[in-house]
Amino acid sequence: MSSQHSFDLWQHLAACRGPSQEIFFPPGRLERRSEKRSREQRAKEICRSCAVQQDCLSYALAIREQHGIWGGLTENERRDLLNRDDGRVATVTSVRR
């Protein structure tokens, strides 16, 4: 099975699909700090209930995704995780907050 096909499978099961998907990425306008925190918290709540959270996070870490909430972590949290783990991909259970 190709990696693209594998990605497609878990992506279709993601809890973030649908009308609320815009909260996972910053808007195209300047965002106040309080708005950003609120948006990120809402996105993380959706991630916590997602059946494919680990797949999502693993994918984002593997491709070094630089934008948005993936697998329940912000871009800064993912970068910190990669730096802390010397580039090794961690599982969701080891990074749950």
N, C-alpha and C. Protein backbone atom coordinates (compact mmCIF):
# COMPACT_ATOMS: atom_id res chain seq x y z
N MET A 1 0.86 -1.18 0.00
CA MET A 1 0.00 0.00 0.00
C MET A 1 0.90 1.24 0.00
N SER A 2 0.62 2.17 -0.87
CA SER A 2 1.44 3.38 -0.95
C SER A 2 1.18 4.28 0.26
N SER A 3 2.17 5.14 0.56
CA SER A 3 2.00 6.05 1.70
C SER A 3 0.86 7.03 1.44
N GLN A 4 0.67 7.45 0.18
CA GLN A 4 -0.43 8.36 -0.14
C GLN A 4 -1.78 7.68 0.11
N HIS A 5 -1.91 6.42 -0.29
CA HIS A 5 -3.15 5.68 -0.06
C HIS A 5 -3.38 5.52 1.44
N SER A 6 -2.35 5.22 2.20
CA SER A 6 -2.47 5.09 3.64
C SER A 6 -2.93 6.40 4.26
N PHE A 7 -2.36 7.52 3.80
CA PHE A 7 -2.77 8.83 4.29
C PHE A 7 -4.24 9.07 4.01
N ASP A 8 -4.66 8.74 2.79
CA ASP A 8 -6.06 8.94 2.43
C ASP A 8 -7.00 8.17 3.34
N LEU A 9 -6.63 6.97 3.72
CA LEU A 9 -7.51 6.15 4.57
C LEU A 9 -7.75 6.81 5.92
N TRP A 10 -6.69 7.19 6.64
CA TRP A 10 -6.91 7.77 7.96
C TRP A 10 -7.51 9.17 7.86
N GLN A 11 -7.15 9.91 6.82
CA GLN A 11 -7.66 11.27 6.67
C GLN A 11 -9.19 11.27 6.56
N HIS A 12 -9.74 10.30 5.90
CA HIS A 12 -11.20 10.24 5.75
C HIS A 12 -11.91 9.93 7.07
N LEU A 13 -11.18 9.42 8.04
CA LEU A 13 -11.76 9.11 9.35
C LEU A 13 -11.54 10.22 10.38
N ALA A 14 -10.82 11.26 10.00
CA ALA A 14 -10.44 12.31 10.94
C ALA A 14 -11.64 13.11 11.44
N ALA A 15 -11.63 13.40 12.74
CA ALA A 15 -12.71 14.17 13.36
C ALA A 15 -12.71 15.63 12.91
N CYS A 16 -11.61 16.10 12.35
CA CYS A 16 -11.52 17.50 11.94
C CYS A 16 -12.16 17.77 10.60
N ARG A 17 -12.56 16.75 9.89
CA ARG A 17 -13.21 16.95 8.58
C ARG A 17 -14.57 17.60 8.78
N GLY A 18 -14.92 18.48 7.89
CA GLY A 18 -16.24 19.10 7.97
C GLY A 18 -16.17 20.58 8.20
N PRO A 19 -17.28 21.15 8.66
CA PRO A 19 -17.40 22.61 8.75
C PRO A 19 -16.45 23.28 9.73
N SER A 20 -15.93 22.55 10.72
CA SER A 20 -15.06 23.18 11.71
C SER A 20 -13.58 23.07 11.36
N GLN A 21 -13.24 22.58 10.17
CA GLN A 21 -11.84 22.37 9.84
C GLN A 21 -11.02 23.65 9.80
N GLU A 22 -11.63 24.80 9.61
CA GLU A 22 -10.88 26.06 9.55
C GLU A 22 -10.23 26.41 10.89
N ILE A 23 -10.72 25.89 12.00
CA ILE A 23 -10.11 26.23 13.29
C ILE A 23 -8.74 25.57 13.47
N PHE A 24 -8.38 24.66 12.61
CA PHE A 24 -7.09 23.97 12.74
C PHE A 24 -5.94 24.75 12.12
N PHE A 25 -6.25 25.84 11.43
CA PHE A 25 -5.22 26.65 10.78
C PHE A 25 -5.48 28.12 11.05
N PRO A 26 -4.42 28.92 11.12
CA PRO A 26 -4.62 30.35 11.38
C PRO A 26 -5.39 31.01 10.24
N PRO A 27 -6.17 32.02 10.57
CA PRO A 27 -6.93 32.73 9.53
C PRO A 27 -5.98 33.54 8.65
N GLY A 28 -6.49 34.02 7.54
CA GLY A 28 -5.70 34.82 6.62
C GLY A 28 -5.52 36.26 7.06
N ARG A 29 -5.94 36.56 8.25
CA ARG A 29 -5.81 37.91 8.81
C ARG A 29 -5.05 37.83 10.13
N LEU A 30 -4.66 38.98 10.66
CA LEU A 30 -3.98 39.02 11.94
C LEU A 30 -4.92 38.48 13.03
N GLU A 31 -4.38 37.66 13.89
CA GLU A 31 -5.18 37.02 14.93
C GLU A 31 -4.65 37.44 16.30
N ARG A 32 -5.54 37.92 17.15
CA ARG A 32 -5.13 38.28 18.51
C ARG A 32 -4.69 37.03 19.26
N ARG A 33 -3.82 37.22 20.21
CA ARG A 33 -3.30 36.10 21.00
C ARG A 33 -4.43 35.32 21.67
N SER A 34 -5.40 36.01 22.24
CA SER A 34 -6.52 35.34 22.91
C SER A 34 -7.37 34.55 21.90
N GLU A 35 -7.54 35.11 20.71
CA GLU A 35 -8.29 34.40 19.66
C GLU A 35 -7.54 33.14 19.23
N LYS A 36 -6.24 33.26 19.11
CA LYS A 36 -5.41 32.11 18.71
C LYS A 36 -5.50 31.00 19.76
N ARG A 37 -5.36 31.37 21.01
CA ARG A 37 -5.44 30.36 22.08
C ARG A 37 -6.80 29.67 22.08
N SER A 38 -7.85 30.44 21.92
CA SER A 38 -9.21 29.89 21.91
C SER A 38 -9.40 28.94 20.73
N ARG A 39 -8.96 29.37 19.55
CA ARG A 39 -9.07 28.53 18.34
C ARG A 39 -8.27 27.24 18.52
N GLU A 40 -7.06 27.35 19.02
CA GLU A 40 -6.23 26.16 19.22
C GLU A 40 -6.84 25.20 20.24
N GLN A 41 -7.42 25.73 21.31
CA GLN A 41 -8.05 24.88 22.32
C GLN A 41 -9.25 24.13 21.73
N ARG A 42 -10.05 24.81 20.93
CA ARG A 42 -11.20 24.15 20.28
C ARG A 42 -10.71 23.04 19.36
N ALA A 43 -9.66 23.31 18.61
CA ALA A 43 -9.12 22.30 17.70
C ALA A 43 -8.59 21.10 18.50
N LYS A 44 -7.88 21.37 19.57
CA LYS A 44 -7.32 20.28 20.38
C LYS A 44 -8.42 19.43 21.02
N GLU A 45 -9.53 20.04 21.38
CA GLU A 45 -10.66 19.27 21.92
C GLU A 45 -11.19 18.28 20.89
N ILE A 46 -11.27 18.72 19.65
CA ILE A 46 -11.71 17.82 18.57
C ILE A 46 -10.68 16.70 18.41
N CYS A 47 -9.41 17.04 18.43
CA CYS A 47 -8.35 16.03 18.29
C CYS A 47 -8.42 14.97 19.39
N ARG A 48 -8.71 15.37 20.61
CA ARG A 48 -8.76 14.41 21.72
C ARG A 48 -9.81 13.32 21.49
N SER A 49 -10.86 13.63 20.73
CA SER A 49 -11.92 12.65 20.49
C SER A 49 -11.72 11.89 19.18
N CYS A 50 -10.62 12.15 18.50
CA CYS A 50 -10.41 11.60 17.16
C CYS A 50 -9.79 10.20 17.20
N ALA A 51 -10.37 9.30 16.43
CA ALA A 51 -9.90 7.91 16.37
C ALA A 51 -8.56 7.78 15.66
N VAL A 52 -8.18 8.76 14.85
CA VAL A 52 -6.93 8.66 14.08
C VAL A 52 -5.92 9.73 14.51
N GLN A 53 -6.00 10.17 15.75
CA GLN A 53 -5.10 11.21 16.25
C GLN A 53 -3.64 10.80 16.12
N GLN A 54 -3.31 9.59 16.45
CA GLN A 54 -1.91 9.13 16.38
C GLN A 54 -1.42 9.13 14.93
N ASP A 55 -2.24 8.65 14.01
CA ASP A 55 -1.86 8.66 12.59
C ASP A 55 -1.61 10.09 12.10
N CYS A 56 -2.47 10.99 12.50
CA CYS A 56 -2.36 12.39 12.11
C CYS A 56 -1.06 13.01 12.63
N LEU A 57 -0.78 12.80 13.90
CA LEU A 57 0.43 13.35 14.49
C LEU A 57 1.67 12.73 13.86
N SER A 58 1.66 11.44 13.66
CA SER A 58 2.81 10.77 13.04
C SER A 58 3.07 11.32 11.64
N TYR A 59 2.01 11.53 10.90
CA TYR A 59 2.13 12.10 9.55
C TYR A 59 2.74 13.50 9.62
N ALA A 60 2.21 14.35 10.49
CA ALA A 60 2.69 15.73 10.59
C ALA A 60 4.16 15.77 11.02
N LEU A 61 4.54 14.89 11.93
CA LEU A 61 5.95 14.84 12.35
C LEU A 61 6.84 14.33 11.23
N ALA A 62 6.37 13.34 10.52
CA ALA A 62 7.17 12.74 9.45
C ALA A 62 7.44 13.72 8.32
N ILE A 63 6.45 14.54 7.98
CA ILE A 63 6.64 15.50 6.87
C ILE A 63 7.07 16.88 7.38
N ARG A 64 7.24 16.99 8.69
CA ARG A 64 7.65 18.26 9.30
C ARG A 64 6.66 19.38 8.95
N GLU A 65 5.36 19.07 9.10
CA GLU A 65 4.30 20.05 8.82
C GLU A 65 4.53 21.29 9.68
N GLN A 66 4.55 22.45 9.06
CA GLN A 66 4.88 23.69 9.77
C GLN A 66 3.67 24.53 10.15
N HIS A 67 2.47 24.12 9.75
CA HIS A 67 1.31 24.97 9.99
C HIS A 67 0.16 24.16 10.57
N GLY A 68 -0.58 24.79 11.47
CA GLY A 68 -1.83 24.22 11.95
C GLY A 68 -1.70 23.24 13.10
N ILE A 69 -2.86 22.78 13.54
CA ILE A 69 -2.98 21.78 14.59
C ILE A 69 -3.08 20.42 13.90
N TRP A 70 -2.18 19.52 14.24
CA TRP A 70 -2.18 18.15 13.69
C TRP A 70 -1.98 17.20 14.85
N GLY A 71 -2.83 16.22 14.98
CA GLY A 71 -2.69 15.24 16.05
C GLY A 71 -2.75 15.84 17.44
N GLY A 72 -3.39 16.97 17.57
CA GLY A 72 -3.56 17.60 18.87
C GLY A 72 -2.42 18.51 19.29
N LEU A 73 -1.46 18.76 18.39
CA LEU A 73 -0.33 19.62 18.74
C LEU A 73 -0.21 20.78 17.76
N THR A 74 0.20 21.93 18.28
CA THR A 74 0.47 23.09 17.44
C THR A 74 1.80 22.91 16.73
N GLU A 75 2.08 23.80 15.80
CA GLU A 75 3.37 23.74 15.11
C GLU A 75 4.55 23.90 16.08
N ASN A 76 4.40 24.77 17.08
CA ASN A 76 5.48 24.94 18.07
C ASN A 76 5.64 23.69 18.93
N GLU A 77 4.53 23.09 19.33
CA GLU A 77 4.61 21.86 20.15
C GLU A 77 5.24 20.72 19.37
N ARG A 78 4.90 20.61 18.07
CA ARG A 78 5.51 19.56 17.25
C ARG A 78 7.00 19.80 17.08
N ARG A 79 7.38 21.05 16.85
CA ARG A 79 8.80 21.38 16.70
C ARG A 79 9.56 21.07 17.99
N ASP A 80 8.99 21.43 19.13
CA ASP A 80 9.62 21.13 20.42
C ASP A 80 9.76 19.62 20.62
N LEU A 81 8.74 18.88 20.24
CA LEU A 81 8.77 17.43 20.37
C LEU A 81 9.88 16.83 19.50
N LEU A 82 9.97 17.29 18.27
CA LEU A 82 11.02 16.79 17.37
C LEU A 82 12.41 17.14 17.91
N ASN A 83 12.57 18.36 18.43
CA ASN A 83 13.86 18.76 18.99
C ASN A 83 14.20 17.95 20.23
N ARG A 84 13.22 17.73 21.07
CA ARG A 84 13.43 16.97 22.31
C ARG A 84 13.77 15.52 22.01
N ASP A 85 13.12 14.96 20.99
CA ASP A 85 13.34 13.56 20.65
C ASP A 85 14.42 13.37 19.59
N ASP A 86 15.20 14.44 19.33
CA ASP A 86 16.27 14.36 18.32
C ASP A 86 15.76 13.85 16.99
N GLY A 87 14.54 14.26 16.61
CA GLY A 87 14.01 13.91 15.31
C GLY A 87 13.25 12.60 15.25
N ARG A 88 13.23 11.83 16.33
CA ARG A 88 12.47 10.59 16.30
C ARG A 88 10.98 10.92 16.39
N VAL A 89 10.17 10.18 15.68
CA VAL A 89 8.73 10.38 15.72
C VAL A 89 8.18 9.69 16.95
N ALA A 90 7.48 10.46 17.78
CA ALA A 90 6.89 9.93 19.01
C ALA A 90 5.45 9.54 18.76
N THR A 91 4.90 8.78 19.67
CA THR A 91 3.49 8.42 19.56
C THR A 91 2.65 9.44 20.32
N VAL A 92 1.38 9.48 20.03
CA VAL A 92 0.47 10.42 20.68
C VAL A 92 0.46 10.19 22.19
N THR A 93 0.51 8.95 22.62
CA THR A 93 0.42 8.67 24.05
C THR A 93 1.58 9.27 24.80
N SER A 94 2.71 9.47 24.15
CA SER A 94 3.85 10.04 24.86
C SER A 94 3.81 11.57 24.90
N VAL A 95 2.90 12.20 24.16
CA VAL A 95 2.85 13.64 24.12
C VAL A 95 1.51 14.21 24.56
N ARG A 96 0.60 13.37 24.97
CA ARG A 96 -0.72 13.87 25.39
C ARG A 96 -0.58 14.85 26.52
N ARG A 97 -1.36 15.91 26.45
CA ARG A 97 -1.30 16.96 27.48
C ARG A 97 -2.58 17.00 28.27
